[in-house]
């Protein structure tokens, strides 16, 4: 059951996703669920989960906080992932017969936060390969591009480039073992790229390919920016653990076989399928 019809994007949405690698879907998630996520954000800031990034103690002003992989224990995130319609929205945009959840990602930027989300691709950070892998980033607060909303290099999902992951704060971490091409300095040459961004209201979704280059500024707005992003595996996704990828789920924790579709219902459960 879904609480909203987000799983049925328009033909224009599907075409935009294919051409641009990203599409904005206004009003995708029911407001009642958005209120629950905002309350969840308060709880996580006070008592963080096990997979957290937090710049609260950094010298830079503000606080960039993220918490991941909450769906197994938190009923709000579980309901959001499997009942809000975002799983079907991801499937329809990708043209997949089903979607499996990789992980959920709560993102909070307090007002006055200077820490940016640098330009990057998602796919090199994740232990998967395939074209049908995407995120559904749902705004839980209003935000403009100038303040803190996401920006994308339109069409970069079709560059056939696989850029080396880098630590977002520049400190040594789990990305260090990866050897690959460095992502170009988009910010230093913004006019040289087709950059698109979206002003969002609570409940709006931004669906984007794991191959598209994207980033966001700090938070220059007056209010807290909250979003909940879910990451979805489509029909051609294969399990691809490699040096430098996200340690949220390791080979020891899944029955998925490298190079094969990750049919692990415990770690990567089906969120939406054409098969009843």
C-alpha atoms as a PDB file:
ATOM      1  CA  UNK A   1       0.000   0.000   0.000  1.00  0.00           C
ATOM      2  CA  UNK A   2       1.175   3.523  -0.700  1.00  0.00           C
ATOM      3  CA  UNK A   3       0.093   6.762   0.940  1.00  0.00           C
ATOM      4  CA  UNK A   4       0.383   8.779  -2.251  1.00  0.00           C
ATOM      5  CA  UNK A   5       0.453   8.259  -6.005  1.00  0.00           C
ATOM      6  CA  UNK A   6       4.122   9.076  -6.419  1.00  0.00           C
ATOM      7  CA  UNK A   7       4.752   5.749  -8.150  1.00  0.00           C
ATOM      8  CA  UNK A   8       3.054   7.065 -11.322  1.00  0.00           C
ATOM      9  CA  UNK A   9       5.187   9.857 -12.808  1.00  0.00           C
ATOM     10  CA  UNK A  10       4.073  11.554 -16.000  1.00  0.00           C
ATOM     11  CA  UNK A  11       5.555  10.703 -19.385  1.00  0.00           C
ATOM     12  CA  UNK A  12       7.351  14.058 -19.257  1.00  0.00           C
ATOM     13  CA  UNK A  13       8.991  13.070 -15.953  1.00  0.00           C
ATOM     14  CA  UNK A  14      10.218   9.773 -17.391  1.00  0.00           C
ATOM     15  CA  UNK A  15      11.549  11.472 -20.524  1.00  0.00           C
ATOM     16  CA  UNK A  16      13.344  14.136 -18.476  1.00  0.00           C
ATOM     17  CA  UNK A  17      14.960  11.511 -16.278  1.00  0.00           C
ATOM     18  CA  UNK A  18      16.235   9.592 -19.308  1.00  0.00           C
ATOM     19  CA  UNK A  19      17.566  12.686 -21.080  1.00  0.00           C
ATOM     20  CA  UNK A  20      18.886  14.718 -18.147  1.00  0.00           C
ATOM     21  CA  UNK A  21      19.613  12.078 -15.513  1.00  0.00           C
ATOM     22  CA  UNK A  22      17.433  13.989 -13.033  1.00  0.00           C
ATOM     23  CA  UNK A  23      13.809  15.061 -12.679  1.00  0.00           C
ATOM     24  CA  UNK A  24      11.875  17.152 -10.159  1.00  0.00           C
ATOM     25  CA  UNK A  25       8.503  15.670  -9.122  1.00  0.00           C
ATOM     26  CA  UNK A  26       6.498  18.165  -7.019  1.00  0.00           C
ATOM     27  CA  UNK A  27       4.209  16.889  -4.264  1.00  0.00           C
ATOM     28  CA  UNK A  28       5.426  13.309  -4.490  1.00  0.00           C
ATOM     29  CA  UNK A  29       5.037  12.373  -0.797  1.00  0.00           C
ATOM     30  CA  UNK A  30       2.108  12.924   1.540  1.00  0.00           C
ATOM     31  CA  UNK A  31       2.559  15.799   4.064  1.00  0.00           C
ATOM     32  CA  UNK A  32       1.772  13.536   7.035  1.00  0.00           C
ATOM     33  CA  UNK A  33       4.877  11.466   6.320  1.00  0.00           C
ATOM     34  CA  UNK A  34       6.975  14.606   5.910  1.00  0.00           C
ATOM     35  CA  UNK A  35       5.972  15.708   9.419  1.00  0.00           C
ATOM     36  CA  UNK A  36       7.081  12.335  10.756  1.00  0.00           C
ATOM     37  CA  UNK A  37      10.477  12.674   9.072  1.00  0.00           C
ATOM     38  CA  UNK A  38      10.958  16.123  10.600  1.00  0.00           C
ATOM     39  CA  UNK A  39      10.301  14.624  14.038  1.00  0.00           C
ATOM     40  CA  UNK A  40      12.738  11.823  13.182  1.00  0.00           C
ATOM     41  CA  UNK A  41      15.386  14.423  12.337  1.00  0.00           C
ATOM     42  CA  UNK A  42      14.983  15.965  15.792  1.00  0.00           C
ATOM     43  CA  UNK A  43      15.432  12.544  17.393  1.00  0.00           C
ATOM     44  CA  UNK A  44      18.473  11.668  15.293  1.00  0.00           C
ATOM     45  CA  UNK A  45      20.182  14.976  16.040  1.00  0.00           C
ATOM     46  CA  UNK A  46      19.689  14.301  19.743  1.00  0.00           C
ATOM     47  CA  UNK A  47      20.495  10.566  19.662  1.00  0.00           C
ATOM     48  CA  UNK A  48      22.290   9.643  16.409  1.00  0.00           C
ATOM     49  CA  UNK A  49      22.082   6.226  14.805  1.00  0.00           C
ATOM     50  CA  UNK A  50      25.112   4.001  14.054  1.00  0.00           C
ATOM     51  CA  UNK A  51      25.974   5.366  10.573  1.00  0.00           C
ATOM     52  CA  UNK A  52      26.384   9.117  11.027  1.00  0.00           C
ATOM     53  CA  UNK A  53      28.372  12.005   9.562  1.00  0.00           C
ATOM     54  CA  UNK A  54      28.312  15.129  11.714  1.00  0.00           C
ATOM     55  CA  UNK A  55      30.282  18.374  11.330  1.00  0.00           C
ATOM     56  CA  UNK A  56      29.022  19.854  14.619  1.00  0.00           C
ATOM     57  CA  UNK A  57      32.524  19.906  16.105  1.00  0.00           C
ATOM     58  CA  UNK A  58      34.279  21.168  12.985  1.00  0.00           C
ATOM     59  CA  UNK A  59      35.840  24.651  12.882  1.00  0.00           C
ATOM     60  CA  UNK A  60      33.454  25.706  10.074  1.00  0.00           C
ATOM     61  CA  UNK A  61      30.203  27.275  11.293  1.00  0.00           C
ATOM     62  CA  UNK A  62      26.937  25.335  11.252  1.00  0.00           C
ATOM     63  CA  UNK A  63      26.140  21.650  11.248  1.00  0.00           C
ATOM     64  CA  UNK A  64      25.896  19.177   8.384  1.00  0.00           C
ATOM     65  CA  UNK A  65      24.425  15.946   9.744  1.00  0.00           C
ATOM     66  CA  UNK A  66      23.566  12.722   7.941  1.00  0.00           C
ATOM     67  CA  UNK A  67      22.311   9.382   9.221  1.00  0.00           C
ATOM     68  CA  UNK A  68      21.973   6.228   7.126  1.00  0.00           C
ATOM     69  CA  UNK A  69      20.542   2.742   7.111  1.00  0.00           C
ATOM     70  CA  UNK A  70      17.668   3.367   9.501  1.00  0.00           C
ATOM     71  CA  UNK A  71      14.942   1.386   7.720  1.00  0.00           C
ATOM     72  CA  UNK A  72      15.581  -1.886   9.573  1.00  0.00           C
ATOM     73  CA  UNK A  73      14.908  -0.391  13.015  1.00  0.00           C
ATOM     74  CA  UNK A  74      12.997   2.854  12.568  1.00  0.00           C
ATOM     75  CA  UNK A  75       9.277   2.502  11.704  1.00  0.00           C
ATOM     76  CA  UNK A  76       9.064   5.978  10.148  1.00  0.00           C
ATOM     77  CA  UNK A  77      11.872   5.302   7.683  1.00  0.00           C
ATOM     78  CA  UNK A  78      10.542   1.815   6.965  1.00  0.00           C
ATOM     79  CA  UNK A  79       7.090   3.168   6.182  1.00  0.00           C
ATOM     80  CA  UNK A  80       8.574   5.982   4.108  1.00  0.00           C
ATOM     81  CA  UNK A  81      10.664   3.577   2.020  1.00  0.00           C
ATOM     82  CA  UNK A  82       7.978   0.978   1.409  1.00  0.00           C
ATOM     83  CA  UNK A  83       4.633   2.809   1.637  1.00  0.00           C
ATOM     84  CA  UNK A  84       5.180   6.405   0.450  1.00  0.00           C
ATOM     85  CA  UNK A  85       5.395   5.545  -3.261  1.00  0.00           C
ATOM     86  CA  UNK A  86       9.058   6.474  -3.709  1.00  0.00           C
ATOM     87  CA  UNK A  87      10.036   2.897  -4.634  1.00  0.00           C
ATOM     88  CA  UNK A  88       7.546   2.874  -7.491  1.00  0.00           C
ATOM     89  CA  UNK A  89       8.554   6.351  -8.549  1.00  0.00           C
ATOM     90  CA  UNK A  90      12.150   5.161  -8.856  1.00  0.00           C
ATOM     91  CA  UNK A  91      11.102   2.085 -10.849  1.00  0.00           C
ATOM     92  CA  UNK A  92       8.949   4.047 -13.289  1.00  0.00           C
ATOM     93  CA  UNK A  93      11.619   6.675 -13.909  1.00  0.00           C
ATOM     94  CA  UNK A  94      14.262   4.006 -14.542  1.00  0.00           C
ATOM     95  CA  UNK A  95      11.947   1.798 -16.591  1.00  0.00           C
ATOM     96  CA  UNK A  96      12.584  -1.121 -14.224  1.00  0.00           C
ATOM     97  CA  UNK A  97      10.178  -3.958 -13.452  1.00  0.00           C
ATOM     98  CA  UNK A  98      11.150  -3.753  -9.781  1.00  0.00           C
ATOM     99  CA  UNK A  99      13.277  -1.864  -7.276  1.00  0.00           C
ATOM    100  CA  UNK A 100      15.251  -3.016  -4.263  1.00  0.00           C
ATOM    101  CA  UNK A 101      16.246  -0.678  -1.428  1.00  0.00           C
ATOM    102  CA  UNK A 102      19.964  -0.155  -0.969  1.00  0.00           C
ATOM    103  CA  UNK A 103      19.791   2.322   1.910  1.00  0.00           C
ATOM    104  CA  UNK A 104      18.040   5.372   3.319  1.00  0.00           C
ATOM    105  CA  UNK A 105      19.864   8.631   3.968  1.00  0.00           C
ATOM    106  CA  UNK A 106      18.601  11.388   6.275  1.00  0.00           C
ATOM    107  CA  UNK A 107      20.306  14.714   5.487  1.00  0.00           C
ATOM    108  CA  UNK A 108      20.182  17.806   7.706  1.00  0.00           C
ATOM    109  CA  UNK A 109      21.851  21.174   7.167  1.00  0.00           C
ATOM    110  CA  UNK A 110      21.346  23.697   9.927  1.00  0.00           C
ATOM    111  CA  UNK A 111      21.009  27.374   8.951  1.00  0.00           C
ATOM    112  CA  UNK A 112      24.366  29.073   8.609  1.00  0.00           C
ATOM    113  CA  UNK A 113      26.160  25.846   7.711  1.00  0.00           C
ATOM    114  CA  UNK A 114      29.158  26.524   5.494  1.00  0.00           C
ATOM    115  CA  UNK A 115      30.006  22.875   4.792  1.00  0.00           C
ATOM    116  CA  UNK A 116      29.097  22.048   1.211  1.00  0.00           C
ATOM    117  CA  UNK A 117      28.250  18.742  -0.432  1.00  0.00           C
ATOM    118  CA  UNK A 118      31.021  18.676  -3.075  1.00  0.00           C
ATOM    119  CA  UNK A 119      30.374  17.761  -6.691  1.00  0.00           C
ATOM    120  CA  UNK A 120      30.421  13.968  -7.017  1.00  0.00           C
ATOM    121  CA  UNK A 121      28.899  10.860  -8.567  1.00  0.00           C
ATOM    122  CA  UNK A 122      27.202   8.351  -6.276  1.00  0.00           C
ATOM    123  CA  UNK A 123      27.993   5.155  -8.185  1.00  0.00           C
ATOM    124  CA  UNK A 124      31.731   4.881  -7.325  1.00  0.00           C
ATOM    125  CA  UNK A 125      30.907   5.138  -3.608  1.00  0.00           C
ATOM    126  CA  UNK A 126      28.470   2.222  -3.739  1.00  0.00           C
ATOM    127  CA  UNK A 127      29.105  -1.540  -4.075  1.00  0.00           C
ATOM    128  CA  UNK A 128      26.955  -1.841  -7.199  1.00  0.00           C
ATOM    129  CA  UNK A 129      27.153  -1.392 -10.947  1.00  0.00           C
ATOM    130  CA  UNK A 130      24.359  -0.829 -13.459  1.00  0.00           C
ATOM    131  CA  UNK A 131      22.534   1.974 -15.207  1.00  0.00           C
ATOM    132  CA  UNK A 132      19.270   1.359 -13.336  1.00  0.00           C
ATOM    133  CA  UNK A 133      20.384   2.670  -9.945  1.00  0.00           C
ATOM    134  CA  UNK A 134      18.980   5.934  -8.607  1.00  0.00           C
ATOM    135  CA  UNK A 135      18.087   8.075  -5.629  1.00  0.00           C
ATOM    136  CA  UNK A 136      14.751   9.602  -4.694  1.00  0.00           C
ATOM    137  CA  UNK A 137      15.661  12.674  -2.631  1.00  0.00           C
ATOM    138  CA  UNK A 138      12.564  14.037  -0.876  1.00  0.00           C
ATOM    139  CA  UNK A 139      12.535  17.549   0.547  1.00  0.00           C
ATOM    140  CA  UNK A 140      11.072  17.826   4.051  1.00  0.00           C
ATOM    141  CA  UNK A 141      11.586  21.592   4.213  1.00  0.00           C
ATOM    142  CA  UNK A 142      11.458  24.429   1.700  1.00  0.00           C
ATOM    143  CA  UNK A 143      14.739  25.300   0.023  1.00  0.00           C
ATOM    144  CA  UNK A 144      16.015  27.249  -2.960  1.00  0.00           C
ATOM    145  CA  UNK A 145      19.096  26.491  -5.019  1.00  0.00           C
ATOM    146  CA  UNK A 146      20.698  29.677  -3.717  1.00  0.00           C
ATOM    147  CA  UNK A 147      20.166  28.516  -0.131  1.00  0.00           C
ATOM    148  CA  UNK A 148      20.966  24.784  -0.088  1.00  0.00           C
ATOM    149  CA  UNK A 149      19.016  22.734  -2.634  1.00  0.00           C
ATOM    150  CA  UNK A 150      20.671  20.260  -5.021  1.00  0.00           C
ATOM    151  CA  UNK A 151      22.358  21.070  -8.327  1.00  0.00           C
ATOM    152  CA  UNK A 152      23.228  18.677 -11.158  1.00  0.00           C
ATOM    153  CA  UNK A 153      25.388  18.619 -14.264  1.00  0.00           C
ATOM    154  CA  UNK A 154      22.620  17.795 -16.685  1.00  0.00           C
ATOM    155  CA  UNK A 155      23.373  14.841 -18.943  1.00  0.00           C
ATOM    156  CA  UNK A 156      26.550  13.821 -17.089  1.00  0.00           C
ATOM    157  CA  UNK A 157      25.008  10.388 -16.422  1.00  0.00           C
ATOM    158  CA  UNK A 158      25.722   9.684 -20.110  1.00  0.00           C
ATOM    159  CA  UNK A 159      29.406  10.680 -20.040  1.00  0.00           C
ATOM    160  CA  UNK A 160      30.472   7.042 -19.539  1.00  0.00           C
ATOM    161  CA  UNK A 161      32.805   8.235 -16.781  1.00  0.00           C
ATOM    162  CA  UNK A 162      33.435   6.549 -13.430  1.00  0.00           C
ATOM    163  CA  UNK A 163      35.143   9.038 -11.128  1.00  0.00           C
ATOM    164  CA  UNK A 164      37.158   8.113  -8.049  1.00  0.00           C
ATOM    165  CA  UNK A 165      35.291   8.755  -4.792  1.00  0.00           C
ATOM    166  CA  UNK A 166      36.818  11.292  -2.429  1.00  0.00           C
ATOM    167  CA  UNK A 167      36.284  12.080   1.217  1.00  0.00           C
ATOM    168  CA  UNK A 168      33.842  14.991   1.442  1.00  0.00           C
ATOM    169  CA  UNK A 169      35.725  16.678   4.272  1.00  0.00           C
ATOM    170  CA  UNK A 170      39.213  15.916   2.914  1.00  0.00           C
ATOM    171  CA  UNK A 171      40.188  13.636   5.792  1.00  0.00           C
ATOM    172  CA  UNK A 172      41.443  10.063   5.278  1.00  0.00           C
ATOM    173  CA  UNK A 173      38.640   7.521   5.177  1.00  0.00           C
ATOM    174  CA  UNK A 174      37.102   4.541   3.447  1.00  0.00           C
ATOM    175  CA  UNK A 175      37.448   6.077  -0.030  1.00  0.00           C
ATOM    176  CA  UNK A 176      41.259   6.127   0.050  1.00  0.00           C
ATOM    177  CA  UNK A 177      41.897   2.715  -1.505  1.00  0.00           C
ATOM    178  CA  UNK A 178      40.166   3.585  -4.780  1.00  0.00           C
ATOM    179  CA  UNK A 179      42.351   4.327  -7.789  1.00  0.00           C
ATOM    180  CA  UNK A 180      40.625   6.164 -10.624  1.00  0.00           C
ATOM    181  CA  UNK A 181      40.032   9.343 -12.587  1.00  0.00           C
ATOM    182  CA  UNK A 182      39.562  12.512 -10.549  1.00  0.00           C
ATOM    183  CA  UNK A 183      36.262  14.337 -10.963  1.00  0.00           C
ATOM    184  CA  UNK A 184      36.630  17.693 -12.756  1.00  0.00           C
ATOM    185  CA  UNK A 185      36.499  20.914 -10.735  1.00  0.00           C
ATOM    186  CA  UNK A 186      32.925  21.865 -11.633  1.00  0.00           C
ATOM    187  CA  UNK A 187      32.771  24.795  -9.233  1.00  0.00           C
ATOM    188  CA  UNK A 188      35.831  26.440 -10.754  1.00  0.00           C
ATOM    189  CA  UNK A 189      34.257  26.419 -14.223  1.00  0.00           C
ATOM    190  CA  UNK A 190      30.493  26.525 -13.702  1.00  0.00           C
ATOM    191  CA  UNK A 191      29.879  28.257 -17.044  1.00  0.00           C
ATOM    192  CA  UNK A 192      31.521  25.322 -18.804  1.00  0.00           C
ATOM    193  CA  UNK A 193      28.812  22.886 -17.695  1.00  0.00           C
ATOM    194  CA  UNK A 194      25.043  22.574 -18.096  1.00  0.00           C
ATOM    195  CA  UNK A 195      24.100  22.998 -14.425  1.00  0.00           C
ATOM    196  CA  UNK A 196      20.479  22.687 -13.328  1.00  0.00           C
ATOM    197  CA  UNK A 197      18.989  22.990  -9.846  1.00  0.00           C
ATOM    198  CA  UNK A 198      15.552  22.841  -8.283  1.00  0.00           C
ATOM    199  CA  UNK A 199      13.797  24.959  -5.685  1.00  0.00           C
ATOM    200  CA  UNK A 200      11.764  22.547  -3.539  1.00  0.00           C
ATOM    201  CA  UNK A 201       8.825  22.477  -1.148  1.00  0.00           C
ATOM    202  CA  UNK A 202       8.108  19.798   1.482  1.00  0.00           C
ATOM    203  CA  UNK A 203       7.058  16.571  -0.237  1.00  0.00           C
ATOM    204  CA  UNK A 204       8.798  17.346  -3.537  1.00  0.00           C
ATOM    205  CA  UNK A 205      11.037  14.593  -4.904  1.00  0.00           C
ATOM    206  CA  UNK A 206      14.185  14.854  -6.990  1.00  0.00           C
ATOM    207  CA  UNK A 207      14.878  11.555  -8.744  1.00  0.00           C
ATOM    208  CA  UNK A 208      18.417  11.251 -10.075  1.00  0.00           C
ATOM    209  CA  UNK A 209      20.732   8.676 -11.601  1.00  0.00           C
ATOM    210  CA  UNK A 210      23.607   7.302  -9.539  1.00  0.00           C
ATOM    211  CA  UNK A 211      25.859   8.307 -12.469  1.00  0.00           C
ATOM    212  CA  UNK A 212      24.976  12.023 -12.584  1.00  0.00           C
ATOM    213  CA  UNK A 213      27.375  14.582 -11.091  1.00  0.00           C
ATOM    214  CA  UNK A 214      25.692  16.610  -8.357  1.00  0.00           C
ATOM    215  CA  UNK A 215      26.332  18.673  -5.252  1.00  0.00           C
ATOM    216  CA  UNK A 216      24.886  21.399  -3.053  1.00  0.00           C
ATOM    217  CA  UNK A 217      26.071  24.477  -1.164  1.00  0.00           C
ATOM    218  CA  UNK A 218      25.942  24.947   2.587  1.00  0.00           C
ATOM    219  CA  UNK A 219      22.761  26.393   4.036  1.00  0.00           C
ATOM    220  CA  UNK A 220      22.450  30.141   3.584  1.00  0.00           C
ATOM    221  CA  UNK A 221      18.748  30.036   4.421  1.00  0.00           C
ATOM    222  CA  UNK A 222      17.054  31.008   7.664  1.00  0.00           C
ATOM    223  CA  UNK A 223      15.713  27.526   8.403  1.00  0.00           C
ATOM    224  CA  UNK A 224      16.962  23.967   8.754  1.00  0.00           C
ATOM    225  CA  UNK A 225      17.177  21.984   5.509  1.00  0.00           C
ATOM    226  CA  UNK A 226      15.941  18.411   5.951  1.00  0.00           C
ATOM    227  CA  UNK A 227      15.673  15.730   3.282  1.00  0.00           C
ATOM    228  CA  UNK A 228      15.270  11.964   3.239  1.00  0.00           C
ATOM    229  CA  UNK A 229      16.852  10.179   0.305  1.00  0.00           C
ATOM    230  CA  UNK A 230      16.284   6.524  -0.552  1.00  0.00           C
ATOM    231  CA  UNK A 231      18.629   4.675  -2.906  1.00  0.00           C
ATOM    232  CA  UNK A 232      17.107   2.138  -5.314  1.00  0.00           C
ATOM    233  CA  UNK A 233      18.450  -0.795  -7.368  1.00  0.00           C
ATOM    234  CA  UNK A 234      16.758  -1.515 -10.699  1.00  0.00           C
ATOM    235  CA  UNK A 235      16.727  -4.438 -13.088  1.00  0.00           C
ATOM    236  CA  UNK A 236      20.351  -4.318 -14.277  1.00  0.00           C
ATOM    237  CA  UNK A 237      21.999  -3.643 -10.900  1.00  0.00           C
ATOM    238  CA  UNK A 238      24.741  -6.090  -9.901  1.00  0.00           C
ATOM    239  CA  UNK A 239      26.626  -6.468  -6.641  1.00  0.00           C
ATOM    240  CA  UNK A 240      30.098  -4.944  -7.082  1.00  0.00           C
ATOM    241  CA  UNK A 241      32.049  -4.549  -3.837  1.00  0.00           C
ATOM    242  CA  UNK A 242      35.354  -2.784  -4.460  1.00  0.00           C
ATOM    243  CA  UNK A 243      38.060  -0.863  -2.592  1.00  0.00           C
ATOM    244  CA  UNK A 244      36.858   2.566  -1.524  1.00  0.00           C
ATOM    245  CA  UNK A 245      33.130   1.781  -1.521  1.00  0.00           C
ATOM    246  CA  UNK A 246      30.567   2.372   1.213  1.00  0.00           C
ATOM    247  CA  UNK A 247      31.000  -0.033   4.166  1.00  0.00           C
ATOM    248  CA  UNK A 248      27.322   0.135   5.205  1.00  0.00           C
ATOM    249  CA  UNK A 249      26.783  -3.404   3.868  1.00  0.00           C
ATOM    250  CA  UNK A 250      29.842  -5.599   3.298  1.00  0.00           C
ATOM    251  CA  UNK A 251      30.225  -8.946   1.547  1.00  0.00           C
ATOM    252  CA  UNK A 252      30.135 -10.668   4.938  1.00  0.00           C
ATOM    253  CA  UNK A 253      26.646  -9.271   5.555  1.00  0.00           C
ATOM    254  CA  UNK A 254      24.913 -10.237   2.321  1.00  0.00           C
ATOM    255  CA  UNK A 255      24.208 -13.320   0.227  1.00  0.00           C
ATOM    256  CA  UNK A 256      24.673 -11.230  -2.943  1.00  0.00           C
ATOM    257  CA  UNK A 257      27.214 -12.641  -5.391  1.00  0.00           C
ATOM    258  CA  UNK A 258      29.690 -10.264  -7.086  1.00  0.00           C
ATOM    259  CA  UNK A 259      28.671  -9.606 -10.685  1.00  0.00           C
ATOM    260  CA  UNK A 260      25.116 -10.831 -10.130  1.00  0.00           C
ATOM    261  CA  UNK A 261      21.761  -9.189  -9.380  1.00  0.00           C
ATOM    262  CA  UNK A 262      21.570  -8.608  -5.584  1.00  0.00           C
ATOM    263  CA  UNK A 263      18.597 -10.870  -4.792  1.00  0.00           C
ATOM    264  CA  UNK A 264      19.075 -10.576  -1.037  1.00  0.00           C
ATOM    265  CA  UNK A 265      15.647  -9.955   0.474  1.00  0.00           C
ATOM    266  CA  UNK A 266      17.100  -9.314   3.912  1.00  0.00           C
ATOM    267  CA  UNK A 267      19.652  -6.617   3.052  1.00  0.00           C
ATOM    268  CA  UNK A 268      18.187  -5.319  -0.226  1.00  0.00           C
ATOM    269  CA  UNK A 269      14.417  -5.869   0.034  1.00  0.00           C
ATOM    270  CA  UNK A 270      12.012  -5.356  -2.863  1.00  0.00           C
ATOM    271  CA  UNK A 271      10.263  -1.998  -2.614  1.00  0.00           C
ATOM    272  CA  UNK A 272       8.110  -2.200  -5.738  1.00  0.00           C
ATOM    273  CA  UNK A 273       7.492  -4.797  -8.419  1.00  0.00           C
ATOM    274  CA  UNK A 274       5.213  -5.471 -11.371  1.00  0.00           C
ATOM    275  CA  UNK A 275       4.948  -9.046 -10.092  1.00  0.00           C
ATOM    276  CA  UNK A 276       2.192  -9.361  -7.499  1.00  0.00           C
END
